[in-house]
PDB file of N, CA and C in Angstrom:
ATOM      1  N   MET A   1    -162.988  20.031  22.512  1.00  0.00           N
ATOM      2  CA  MET A   1    -162.822  21.545  22.375  1.00  0.00           C
ATOM      3  C   MET A   1    -162.202  21.993  23.724  1.00  0.00           C
ATOM      4  N   ILE A   2    -161.437  23.123  23.532  1.00  0.00           N
ATOM      5  CA  ILE A   2    -160.674  23.731  24.654  1.00  0.00           C
ATOM      6  C   ILE A   2    -161.351  25.086  24.927  1.00  0.00           C
ATOM      7  N   VAL A   3    -161.645  25.364  26.099  1.00  0.00           N
ATOM      8  CA  VAL A   3    -162.145  26.663  26.489  1.00  0.00           C
ATOM      9  C   VAL A   3    -161.545  27.213  27.644  1.00  0.00           C
ATOM     10  N   GLU A   4    -161.523  28.439  27.839  1.00  0.00           N
ATOM     11  CA  GLU A   4    -161.298  29.162  29.140  1.00  0.00           C
ATOM     12  C   GLU A   4    -162.577  29.565  29.734  1.00  0.00           C
ATOM     13  N   VAL A   5    -162.619  29.239  31.016  1.00  0.00           N
ATOM     14  CA  VAL A   5    -164.096  29.434  31.595  1.00  0.00           C
ATOM     15  C   VAL A   5    -163.922  30.161  32.960  1.00  0.00           C
ATOM     16  N   ARG A   6    -164.922  30.622  33.495  1.00  0.00           N
ATOM     17  CA  ARG A   6    -164.956  31.216  34.919  1.00  0.00           C
ATOM     18  C   ARG A   6    -166.329  30.426  35.566  1.00  0.00           C
ATOM     19  N   LEU A   7    -165.914  29.972  36.693  1.00  0.00           N
ATOM     20  CA  LEU A   7    -166.847  29.145  37.501  1.00  0.00           C
ATOM     21  C   LEU A   7    -168.040  30.081  38.074  1.00  0.00           C
ATOM     22  N   ARG A   8    -169.224  29.781  37.674  1.00  0.00           N
ATOM     23  CA  ARG A   8    -170.363  30.540  38.175  1.00  0.00           C
ATOM     24  C   ARG A   8    -170.938  29.868  39.382  1.00  0.00           C
ATOM     25  N   GLN A   9    -171.260  28.666  39.347  1.00  0.00           N
ATOM     26  CA  GLN A   9    -171.790  27.868  40.579  1.00  0.00           C
ATOM     27  C   GLN A   9    -171.533  26.445  40.379  1.00  0.00           C
ATOM     28  N   LEU A  10    -171.604  25.759  41.566  1.00  0.00           N
ATOM     29  CA  LEU A  10    -171.320  24.412  41.422  1.00  0.00           C
ATOM     30  C   LEU A  10    -172.242  23.582  42.355  1.00  0.00           C
ATOM     31  N   SER A  11    -172.583  22.322  42.011  1.00  0.00           N
ATOM     32  CA  SER A  11    -173.493  21.478  42.839  1.00  0.00           C
ATOM     33  C   SER A  11    -172.813  21.130  44.135  1.00  0.00           C
ATOM     34  N   ARG A  12    -173.437  20.824  45.004  1.00  0.00           N
ATOM     35  CA  ARG A  12    -173.003  20.297  46.291  1.00  0.00           C
ATOM     36  C   ARG A  12    -172.558  18.887  46.263  1.00  0.00           C
ATOM     37  N   PRO A  13    -171.194  18.809  46.392  1.00  0.00           N
ATOM     38  CA  PRO A  13    -170.671  17.310  46.370  1.00  0.00           C
ATOM     39  C   PRO A  13    -171.447  16.446  47.328  1.00  0.00           C
ATOM     40  N   PRO A  14    -171.639  15.158  46.897  1.00  0.00           N
ATOM     41  CA  PRO A  14    -172.300  14.162  47.799  1.00  0.00           C
ATOM     42  C   PRO A  14    -171.292  13.718  48.794  1.00  0.00           C
ATOM     43  N   THR A  15    -171.785  13.161  49.929  1.00  0.00           N
ATOM     44  CA  THR A  15    -171.026  12.721  50.828  1.00  0.00           C
ATOM     45  C   THR A  15    -170.644  11.114  50.518  1.00  0.00           C
ATOM     46  N   LEU A  16    -169.681  10.712  51.131  1.00  0.00           N
ATOM     47  CA  LEU A  16    -169.433   9.146  50.876  1.00  0.00           C
ATOM     48  C   LEU A  16    -170.537   8.263  51.326  1.00  0.00           C
ATOM     49  N   ALA A  17    -171.273   8.721  52.394  1.00  0.00           N
ATOM     50  CA  ALA A  17    -172.507   7.851  52.876  1.00  0.00           C
ATOM     51  C   ALA A  17    -173.639   7.821  51.835  1.00  0.00           C
ATOM     52  N   GLU A  18    -173.719   8.968  51.032  1.00  0.00           N
ATOM     53  CA  GLU A  18    -174.706   9.246  50.131  1.00  0.00           C
ATOM     54  C   GLU A  18    -174.490   8.344  48.785  1.00  0.00           C
ATOM     55  N   ILE A  19    -173.195   7.934  48.528  1.00  0.00           N
ATOM     56  CA  ILE A  19    -172.928   7.272  47.302  1.00  0.00           C
ATOM     57  C   ILE A  19    -172.517   5.807  47.648  1.00  0.00           C
ATOM     58  N   THR A  20    -172.504   5.365  48.829  1.00  0.00           N
ATOM     59  CA  THR A  20    -172.110   4.057  49.262  1.00  0.00           C
ATOM     60  C   THR A  20    -173.132   3.069  48.530  1.00  0.00           C
ATOM     61  N   PRO A  21    -172.538   2.047  47.942  1.00  0.00           N
ATOM     62  CA  PRO A  21    -171.185   1.374  48.094  1.00  0.00           C
ATOM     63  C   PRO A  21    -170.138   1.935  47.150  1.00  0.00           C
ATOM     64  N   TYR A  22    -170.537   2.897  46.408  1.00  0.00           N
ATOM     65  CA  TYR A  22    -169.569   3.501  45.358  1.00  0.00           C
ATOM     66  C   TYR A  22    -168.518   4.331  46.089  1.00  0.00           C
ATOM     67  N   ARG A  23    -167.369   4.435  45.277  1.00  0.00           N
ATOM     68  CA  ARG A  23    -166.328   5.249  45.749  1.00  0.00           C
ATOM     69  C   ARG A  23    -165.777   6.393  44.781  1.00  0.00           C
ATOM     70  N   GLU A  24    -166.641   6.727  43.733  1.00  0.00           N
ATOM     71  CA  GLU A  24    -166.450   7.799  42.888  1.00  0.00           C
ATOM     72  C   GLU A  24    -167.691   8.628  42.542  1.00  0.00           C
ATOM     73  N   ALA A  25    -167.583   9.780  42.407  1.00  0.00           N
ATOM     74  CA  ALA A  25    -168.768  10.667  42.127  1.00  0.00           C
ATOM     75  C   ALA A  25    -168.314  11.812  41.236  1.00  0.00           C
ATOM     76  N   LEU A  26    -169.309  12.324  40.444  1.00  0.00           N
ATOM     77  CA  LEU A  26    -169.113  13.491  39.585  1.00  0.00           C
ATOM     78  C   LEU A  26    -170.083  14.505  40.113  1.00  0.00           C
ATOM     79  N   ALA A  27    -169.867  15.726  39.812  1.00  0.00           N
ATOM     80  CA  ALA A  27    -170.836  16.775  40.066  1.00  0.00           C
ATOM     81  C   ALA A  27    -170.790  17.775  38.937  1.00  0.00           C
ATOM     82  N   VAL A  28    -171.977  18.509  38.853  1.00  0.00           N
ATOM     83  CA  VAL A  28    -172.131  19.450  37.787  1.00  0.00           C
ATOM     84  C   VAL A  28    -171.599  20.811  38.261  1.00  0.00           C
ATOM     85  N   PHE A  29    -170.816  21.360  37.351  1.00  0.00           N
ATOM     86  CA  PHE A  29    -170.297  22.845  37.622  1.00  0.00           C
ATOM     87  C   PHE A  29    -170.951  23.644  36.449  1.00  0.00           C
ATOM     88  N   GLU A  30    -171.237  24.894  36.773  1.00  0.00           N
ATOM     89  CA  GLU A  30    -171.697  25.865  35.575  1.00  0.00           C
ATOM     90  C   GLU A  30    -170.600  26.887  35.459  1.00  0.00           C
ATOM     91  N   TYR A  31    -170.284  27.061  34.182  1.00  0.00           N
ATOM     92  CA  TYR A  31    -169.126  27.963  33.842  1.00  0.00           C
ATOM     93  C   TYR A  31    -169.616  29.039  32.922  1.00  0.00           C
ATOM     94  N   GLU A  32    -169.217  30.145  32.925  1.00  0.00           N
ATOM     95  CA  GLU A  32    -169.322  31.293  31.850  1.00  0.00           C
ATOM     96  C   GLU A  32    -168.126  31.004  30.941  1.00  0.00           C
ATOM     97  N   VAL A  33    -168.401  30.906  29.633  1.00  0.00           N
ATOM     98  CA  VAL A  33    -167.314  30.743  28.703  1.00  0.00           C
ATOM     99  C   VAL A  33    -166.663  32.113  28.479  1.00  0.00           C
ATOM    100  N   GLU A  34    -165.433  32.187  28.697  1.00  0.00           N
ATOM    101  CA  GLU A  34    -164.639  33.452  28.334  1.00  0.00           C
ATOM    102  C   GLU A  34    -164.117  33.414  27.101  1.00  0.00           C
ATOM    103  N   ARG A  35    -163.480  32.307  26.628  1.00  0.00           N
ATOM    104  CA  ARG A  35    -162.807  32.130  25.290  1.00  0.00           C
ATOM    105  C   ARG A  35    -162.804  30.653  24.827  1.00  0.00           C
ATOM    106  N   VAL A  36    -163.248  30.511  23.549  1.00  0.00           N
ATOM    107  CA  VAL A  36    -163.043  29.124  22.918  1.00  0.00           C
ATOM    108  C   VAL A  36    -161.534  29.149  22.293  1.00  0.00           C
ATOM    109  N   ILE A  37    -160.825  28.336  22.687  1.00  0.00           N
ATOM    110  CA  ILE A  37    -159.416  28.173  22.181  1.00  0.00           C
ATOM    111  C   ILE A  37    -159.513  27.399  20.966  1.00  0.00           C
ATOM    112  N   SER A  38    -160.132  26.138  20.957  1.00  0.00           N
ATOM    113  CA  SER A  38    -160.338  25.216  19.777  1.00  0.00           C
ATOM    114  C   SER A  38    -161.663  24.632  19.851  1.00  0.00           C
ATOM    115  N   GLY A  39    -162.135  24.260  18.652  1.00  0.00           N
ATOM    116  CA  GLY A  39    -163.470  23.813  18.538  1.00  0.00           C
ATOM    117  C   GLY A  39    -164.553  24.949  18.473  1.00  0.00           C
ATOM    118  N   GLU A  40    -165.647  24.439  18.389  1.00  0.00           N
ATOM    119  CA  GLU A  40    -166.902  25.379  18.304  1.00  0.00           C
ATOM    120  C   GLU A  40    -167.793  25.204  19.530  1.00  0.00           C
ATOM    121  N   LEU A  41    -168.226  26.320  20.165  1.00  0.00           N
ATOM    122  CA  LEU A  41    -169.060  26.217  21.227  1.00  0.00           C
ATOM    123  C   LEU A  41    -169.869  27.561  21.234  1.00  0.00           C
ATOM    124  N   PRO A  42    -171.209  27.425  20.749  1.00  0.00           N
ATOM    125  CA  PRO A  42    -172.086  28.480  20.573  1.00  0.00           C
ATOM    126  C   PRO A  42    -172.538  29.134  22.029  1.00  0.00           C
ATOM    127  N   GLU A  43    -172.554  28.316  22.964  1.00  0.00           N
ATOM    128  CA  GLU A  43    -173.133  28.602  24.300  1.00  0.00           C
ATOM    129  C   GLU A  43    -172.143  29.587  24.936  1.00  0.00           C
ATOM    130  N   SER A  44    -172.656  30.367  25.728  1.00  0.00           N
ATOM    131  CA  SER A  44    -171.952  31.310  26.560  1.00  0.00           C
ATOM    132  C   SER A  44    -171.905  30.901  28.092  1.00  0.00           C
ATOM    133  N   VAL A  45    -172.694  29.843  28.255  1.00  0.00           N
ATOM    134  CA  VAL A  45    -172.711  29.238  29.707  1.00  0.00           C
ATOM    135  C   VAL A  45    -172.790  27.805  29.496  1.00  0.00           C
ATOM    136  N   VAL A  46    -172.003  26.911  30.155  1.00  0.00           N
ATOM    137  CA  VAL A  46    -171.950  25.594  29.907  1.00  0.00           C
ATOM    138  C   VAL A  46    -172.005  24.839  31.294  1.00  0.00           C
ATOM    139  N   ARG A  47    -172.562  23.719  31.328  1.00  0.00           N
ATOM    140  CA  ARG A  47    -172.572  22.882  32.570  1.00  0.00           C
ATOM    141  C   ARG A  47    -171.593  21.732  32.246  1.00  0.00           C
ATOM    142  N   VAL A  48    -170.764  21.348  33.174  1.00  0.00           N
ATOM    143  CA  VAL A  48    -169.760  20.408  33.073  1.00  0.00           C
ATOM    144  C   VAL A  48    -169.775  19.437  34.092  1.00  0.00           C
ATOM    145  N   ALA A  49    -169.691  18.149  33.885  1.00  0.00           N
ATOM    146  CA  ALA A  49    -169.591  17.089  34.929  1.00  0.00           C
ATOM    147  C   ALA A  49    -168.045  16.940  35.129  1.00  0.00           C
ATOM    148  N   ASP A  50    -167.659  17.008  36.545  1.00  0.00           N
ATOM    149  CA  ASP A  50    -166.272  16.810  36.782  1.00  0.00           C
ATOM    150  C   ASP A  50    -166.138  15.991  38.164  1.00  0.00           C
ATOM    151  N   TRP A  51    -165.072  15.439  38.441  1.00  0.00           N
ATOM    152  CA  TRP A  51    -164.876  14.473  39.539  1.00  0.00           C
ATOM    153  C   TRP A  51    -164.746  15.304  40.865  1.00  0.00           C
ATOM    154  N   VAL A  52    -165.606  14.771  41.853  1.00  0.00           N
ATOM    155  CA  VAL A  52    -165.631  15.466  43.159  1.00  0.00           C
ATOM    156  C   VAL A  52    -165.200  14.326  44.319  1.00  0.00           C
ATOM    157  N   ILE A  53    -165.307  13.093  43.819  1.00  0.00           N
ATOM    158  CA  ILE A  53    -164.978  11.922  44.809  1.00  0.00           C
ATOM    159  C   ILE A  53    -164.168  10.941  43.914  1.00  0.00           C
ATOM    160  N   ALA A  54    -162.933  10.626  44.287  1.00  0.00           N
ATOM    161  CA  ALA A  54    -162.112   9.529  43.537  1.00  0.00           C
ATOM    162  C   ALA A  54    -161.540   8.638  44.572  1.00  0.00           C
ATOM    163  N   ASP A  55    -161.645   7.442  44.363  1.00  0.00           N
ATOM    164  CA  ASP A  55    -161.140   6.307  45.129  1.00  0.00           C
ATOM    165  C   ASP A  55    -161.475   6.618  46.708  1.00  0.00           C
ATOM    166  N   GLY A  56    -162.745   6.974  46.895  1.00  0.00           N
ATOM    167  CA  GLY A  56    -163.265   7.252  48.303  1.00  0.00           C
ATOM    168  C   GLY A  56    -162.716   8.444  48.943  1.00  0.00           C
ATOM    169  N   GLU A  57    -162.073   9.380  48.117  1.00  0.00           N
ATOM    170  CA  GLU A  57    -161.617  10.730  48.826  1.00  0.00           C
ATOM    171  C   GLU A  57    -162.334  11.863  48.111  1.00  0.00           C
ATOM    172  N   LEU A  58    -162.710  12.786  49.095  1.00  0.00           N
ATOM    173  CA  LEU A  58    -163.299  13.969  48.540  1.00  0.00           C
ATOM    174  C   LEU A  58    -162.189  14.928  47.834  1.00  0.00           C
ATOM    175  N   LEU A  59    -162.398  15.277  46.691  1.00  0.00           N
ATOM    176  CA  LEU A  59    -161.460  16.211  45.968  1.00  0.00           C
ATOM    177  C   LEU A  59    -161.695  17.715  46.274  1.00  0.00           C
ATOM    178  N   ALA A  60    -160.748  18.407  46.176  1.00  0.00           N
ATOM    179  CA  ALA A  60    -160.891  19.860  46.313  1.00  0.00           C
ATOM    180  C   ALA A  60    -161.752  20.495  45.188  1.00  0.00           C
ATOM    181  N   SER A  61    -162.790  21.210  45.572  1.00  0.00           N
ATOM    182  CA  SER A  61    -163.610  21.870  44.675  1.00  0.00           C
ATOM    183  C   SER A  61    -163.104  23.270  44.453  1.00  0.00           C
ATOM    184  N   PRO A  62    -163.289  23.742  43.008  1.00  0.00           N
ATOM    185  CA  PRO A  62    -162.889  25.125  42.852  1.00  0.00           C
ATOM    186  C   PRO A  62    -163.937  26.149  43.568  1.00  0.00           C
ATOM    187  N   VAL A  63    -163.478  27.397  43.702  1.00  0.00           N
ATOM    188  CA  VAL A  63    -164.278  28.362  44.265  1.00  0.00           C
ATOM    189  C   VAL A  63    -164.950  29.155  43.002  1.00  0.00           C
ATOM    190  N   ALA A  64    -166.158  29.543  43.316  1.00  0.00           N
ATOM    191  CA  ALA A  64    -166.851  30.346  42.320  1.00  0.00           C
ATOM    192  C   ALA A  64    -166.111  31.624  42.070  1.00  0.00           C
ATOM    193  N   GLY A  65    -165.961  31.895  40.731  1.00  0.00           N
ATOM    194  CA  GLY A  65    -165.231  33.150  40.331  1.00  0.00           C
ATOM    195  C   GLY A  65    -163.866  32.778  39.801  1.00  0.00           C
ATOM    196  N   THR A  66    -163.431  31.573  40.066  1.00  0.00           N
ATOM    197  CA  THR A  66    -161.993  31.210  39.507  1.00  0.00           C
ATOM    198  C   THR A  66    -162.068  30.720  38.112  1.00  0.00           C
ATOM    199  N   THR A  67    -160.980  30.925  37.523  1.00  0.00           N
ATOM    200  CA  THR A  67    -160.934  30.573  35.959  1.00  0.00           C
ATOM    201  C   THR A  67    -160.126  29.231  35.825  1.00  0.00           C
ATOM    202  N   ALA A  68    -160.475  28.686  34.686  1.00  0.00           N
ATOM    203  CA  ALA A  68    -159.694  27.418  34.314  1.00  0.00           C
ATOM    204  C   ALA A  68    -159.726  27.271  32.880  1.00  0.00           C
ATOM    205  N   ARG A  69    -158.836  26.437  32.307  1.00  0.00           N
ATOM    206  CA  ARG A  69    -158.744  25.999  30.867  1.00  0.00           C
ATOM    207  C   ARG A  69    -159.172  24.555  31.052  1.00  0.00           C
ATOM    208  N   LEU A  70    -160.188  24.242  30.226  1.00  0.00           N
ATOM    209  CA  LEU A  70    -160.885  22.840  30.272  1.00  0.00           C
ATOM    210  C   LEU A  70    -160.932  22.234  28.855  1.00  0.00           C
ATOM    211  N   VAL A  71    -160.709  21.069  28.712  1.00  0.00           N
ATOM    212  CA  VAL A  71    -160.833  20.260  27.480  1.00  0.00           C
ATOM    213  C   VAL A  71    -162.232  19.491  27.792  1.00  0.00           C
ATOM    214  N   LEU A  72    -163.176  19.849  26.929  1.00  0.00           N
ATOM    215  CA  LEU A  72    -164.538  19.343  27.028  1.00  0.00           C
ATOM    216  C   LEU A  72    -165.041  18.472  25.945  1.00  0.00           C
ATOM    217  N   GLU A  73    -165.789  17.491  26.273  1.00  0.00           N
ATOM    218  CA  GLU A  73    -166.488  16.593  25.370  1.00  0.00           C
ATOM    219  C   GLU A  73    -167.955  16.546  25.778  1.00  0.00           C
ATOM    220  N   PRO A  74    -168.814  16.162  24.992  1.00  0.00           N
ATOM    221  CA  PRO A  74    -170.247  16.082  25.469  1.00  0.00           C
ATOM    222  C   PRO A  74    -170.305  14.686  26.340  1.00  0.00           C
ATOM    223  N   PHE A  75    -170.997  14.949  27.470  1.00  0.00           N
ATOM    224  CA  PHE A  75    -171.144  13.899  28.442  1.00  0.00           C
ATOM    225  C   PHE A  75    -171.560  12.563  27.806  1.00  0.00           C
ATOM    226  N   ILE A  76    -172.678  12.604  26.822  1.00  0.00           N
ATOM    227  CA  ILE A  76    -173.102  11.570  26.197  1.00  0.00           C
ATOM    228  C   ILE A  76    -172.027  10.710  25.444  1.00  0.00           C
ATOM    229  N   SER A  77    -171.035  11.232  25.132  1.00  0.00           N
ATOM    230  CA  SER A  77    -169.838  10.592  24.434  1.00  0.00           C
ATOM    231  C   SER A  77    -168.920   9.865  25.300  1.00  0.00           C
ATOM    232  N   GLN A  78    -169.305   9.838  26.647  1.00  0.00           N
ATOM    233  CA  GLN A  78    -168.505   9.014  27.607  1.00  0.00           C
ATOM    234  C   GLN A  78    -169.378   7.962  28.407  1.00  0.00           C
ATOM    235  N   PRO A  79    -169.709   6.883  27.622  1.00  0.00           N
ATOM    236  CA  PRO A  79    -170.696   5.901  28.121  1.00  0.00           C
ATOM    237  C   PRO A  79    -170.057   5.242  29.387  1.00  0.00           C
ATOM    238  N   GLN A  80    -168.875   5.144  29.544  1.00  0.00           N
ATOM    239  CA  GLN A  80    -168.365   4.571  30.824  1.00  0.00           C
ATOM    240  C   GLN A  80    -168.703   5.317  32.121  1.00  0.00           C
ATOM    241  N   LEU A  81    -169.118   6.615  31.929  1.00  0.00           N
ATOM    242  CA  LEU A  81    -169.544   7.399  33.016  1.00  0.00           C
ATOM    243  C   LEU A  81    -171.102   7.198  33.443  1.00  0.00           C
ATOM    244  N   GLU A  82    -171.858   6.474  32.536  1.00  0.00           N
ATOM    245  CA  GLU A  82    -173.148   6.379  32.977  1.00  0.00           C
ATOM    246  C   GLU A  82    -173.450   5.804  34.231  1.00  0.00           C
ATOM    247  N   SER A  83    -172.642   4.840  34.758  1.00  0.00           N
ATOM    248  CA  SER A  83    -172.957   4.276  36.051  1.00  0.00           C
ATOM    249  C   SER A  83    -172.363   4.966  37.315  1.00  0.00           C
ATOM    250  N   VAL A  84    -171.704   6.056  37.111  1.00  0.00           N
ATOM    251  CA  VAL A  84    -171.101   6.862  38.050  1.00  0.00           C
ATOM    252  C   VAL A  84    -171.996   7.907  38.698  1.00  0.00           C
ATOM    253  N   TYR A  85    -172.076   8.018  40.055  1.00  0.00           N
ATOM    254  CA  TYR A  85    -172.930   8.783  40.726  1.00  0.00           C
ATOM    255  C   TYR A  85    -172.803  10.358  40.191  1.00  0.00           C
ATOM    256  N   LEU A  86    -173.783  11.028  39.779  1.00  0.00           N
ATOM    257  CA  LEU A  86    -173.691  12.440  39.199  1.00  0.00           C
ATOM    258  C   LEU A  86    -174.574  13.271  40.147  1.00  0.00           C
ATOM    259  N   ALA A  87    -173.966  14.150  40.892  1.00  0.00           N
ATOM    260  CA  ALA A  87    -174.711  15.200  41.845  1.00  0.00           C
ATOM    261  C   ALA A  87    -174.941  16.445  40.903  1.00  0.00           C
ATOM    262  N   ASN A  88    -176.136  16.776  40.874  1.00  0.00           N
ATOM    263  CA  ASN A  88    -176.684  18.009  40.203  1.00  0.00           C
ATOM    264  C   ASN A  88    -177.767  18.621  41.004  1.00  0.00           C
ATOM    265  N   THR A  89    -177.194  19.625  42.007  1.00  0.00           N
ATOM    266  CA  THR A  89    -178.162  20.390  42.771  1.00  0.00           C
ATOM    267  C   THR A  89    -178.405  21.738  42.144  1.00  0.00           C
ATOM    268  N   LEU A  90    -178.046  22.012  40.903  1.00  0.00           N
ATOM    269  CA  LEU A  90    -178.234  23.284  40.249  1.00  0.00           C
ATOM    270  C   LEU A  90    -179.691  23.354  39.773  1.00  0.00           C
ATOM    271  N   GLN A  91    -180.175  24.523  39.663  1.00  0.00           N
ATOM    272  CA  GLN A  91    -181.492  24.854  39.050  1.00  0.00           C
ATOM    273  C   GLN A  91    -181.479  24.362  37.762  1.00  0.00           C
ATOM    274  N   PRO A  92    -182.499  23.806  37.179  1.00  0.00           N
ATOM    275  CA  PRO A  92    -182.505  23.301  35.790  1.00  0.00           C
ATOM    276  C   PRO A  92    -182.173  24.493  34.800  1.00  0.00           C
ATOM    277  N   ALA A  93    -181.365  24.169  33.756  1.00  0.00           N
ATOM    278  CA  ALA A  93    -180.893  25.184  32.782  1.00  0.00           C
ATOM    279  C   ALA A  93    -182.176  25.502  32.146  1.00  0.00           C
ATOM    280  N   GLU A  94    -182.317  26.900  31.688  1.00  0.00           N
ATOM    281  CA  GLU A  94    -183.386  27.480  30.930  1.00  0.00           C
ATOM    282  C   GLU A  94    -183.543  26.766  29.625  1.00  0.00           C
ATOM    283  N   ASP A  95    -182.545  26.470  28.928  1.00  0.00           N
ATOM    284  CA  ASP A  95    -182.557  25.789  27.607  1.00  0.00           C
ATOM    285  C   ASP A  95    -182.213  24.309  27.561  1.00  0.00           C
ATOM    286  N   GLY A  96    -182.136  23.745  28.655  1.00  0.00           N
ATOM    287  CA  GLY A  96    -181.780  22.398  28.770  1.00  0.00           C
ATOM    288  C   GLY A  96    -180.367  22.159  28.588  1.00  0.00           C
ATOM    289  N   GLY A  97    -179.882  22.681  27.392  1.00  0.00           N
ATOM    290  CA  GLY A  97    -178.358  22.714  27.244  1.00  0.00           C
ATOM    291  C   GLY A  97    -177.642  21.324  27.182  1.00  0.00           C
ATOM    292  N   THR A  98    -176.467  21.270  26.718  1.00  0.00           N
ATOM    293  CA  THR A  98    -175.705  20.060  26.589  1.00  0.00           C
ATOM    294  C   THR A  98    -174.945  20.014  27.853  1.00  0.00           C
ATOM    295  N   LEU A  99    -174.890  18.728  28.454  1.00  0.00           N
ATOM    296  CA  LEU A  99    -173.921  18.585  29.507  1.00  0.00           C
ATOM    297  C   LEU A  99    -172.578  18.049  29.072  1.00  0.00           C
ATOM    298  N   PHE A 100    -171.538  18.717  29.459  1.00  0.00           N
ATOM    299  CA  PHE A 100    -170.168  18.357  28.998  1.00  0.00           C
ATOM    300  C   PHE A 100    -169.478  17.578  30.117  1.00  0.00           C
ATOM    301  N   TYR A 101    -168.392  17.003  29.773  1.00  0.00           N
ATOM    302  CA  TYR A 101    -167.378  16.313  30.623  1.00  0.00           C
ATOM    303  C   TYR A 101    -166.146  16.977  30.523  1.00  0.00           C
ATOM    304  N   ALA A 102    -165.401  17.234  31.655  1.00  0.00           N
ATOM    305  CA  ALA A 102    -164.138  17.740  31.569  1.00  0.00           C
ATOM    306  C   ALA A 102    -163.081  16.665  31.572  1.00  0.00           C
ATOM    307  N   VAL A 103    -162.591  16.493  30.294  1.00  0.00           N
ATOM    308  CA  VAL A 103    -161.654  15.446  30.031  1.00  0.00           C
ATOM    309  C   VAL A 103    -160.329  15.777  30.612  1.00  0.00           C
ATOM    310  N   ALA A 104    -160.017  16.993  30.584  1.00  0.00           N
ATOM    311  CA  ALA A 104    -158.723  17.589  31.186  1.00  0.00           C
ATOM    312  C   ALA A 104    -158.939  19.059  31.669  1.00  0.00           C
ATOM    313  N   GLN A 105    -157.986  19.416  32.522  1.00  0.00           N
ATOM    314  CA  GLN A 105    -157.812  20.785  33.007  1.00  0.00           C
ATOM    315  C   GLN A 105    -156.548  21.294  32.656  1.00  0.00           C
TER     316      GLN A 105
END
């Protein structure tokens, strides 16, 4: 599905020391859904796993309040990501909710 979202909050990215010996990491971001462009998404707030470290380099994180257009898939449909470090320092979601993965921005 394709959505336009506004970043509400993000997990603290891990340090390289925290993920050693690995060189990649994802973190959980929480977005308010502003518009669903394609697909169906009943939630008004979504949590999305996205890359924060790639090939041993810390990637730039967006700032709360910024908007983006994301292509999302359920995280569970990406089994290749199960072994990747996932940082989630957000408070637990009230409804549990579905964790999504940002396939593209």
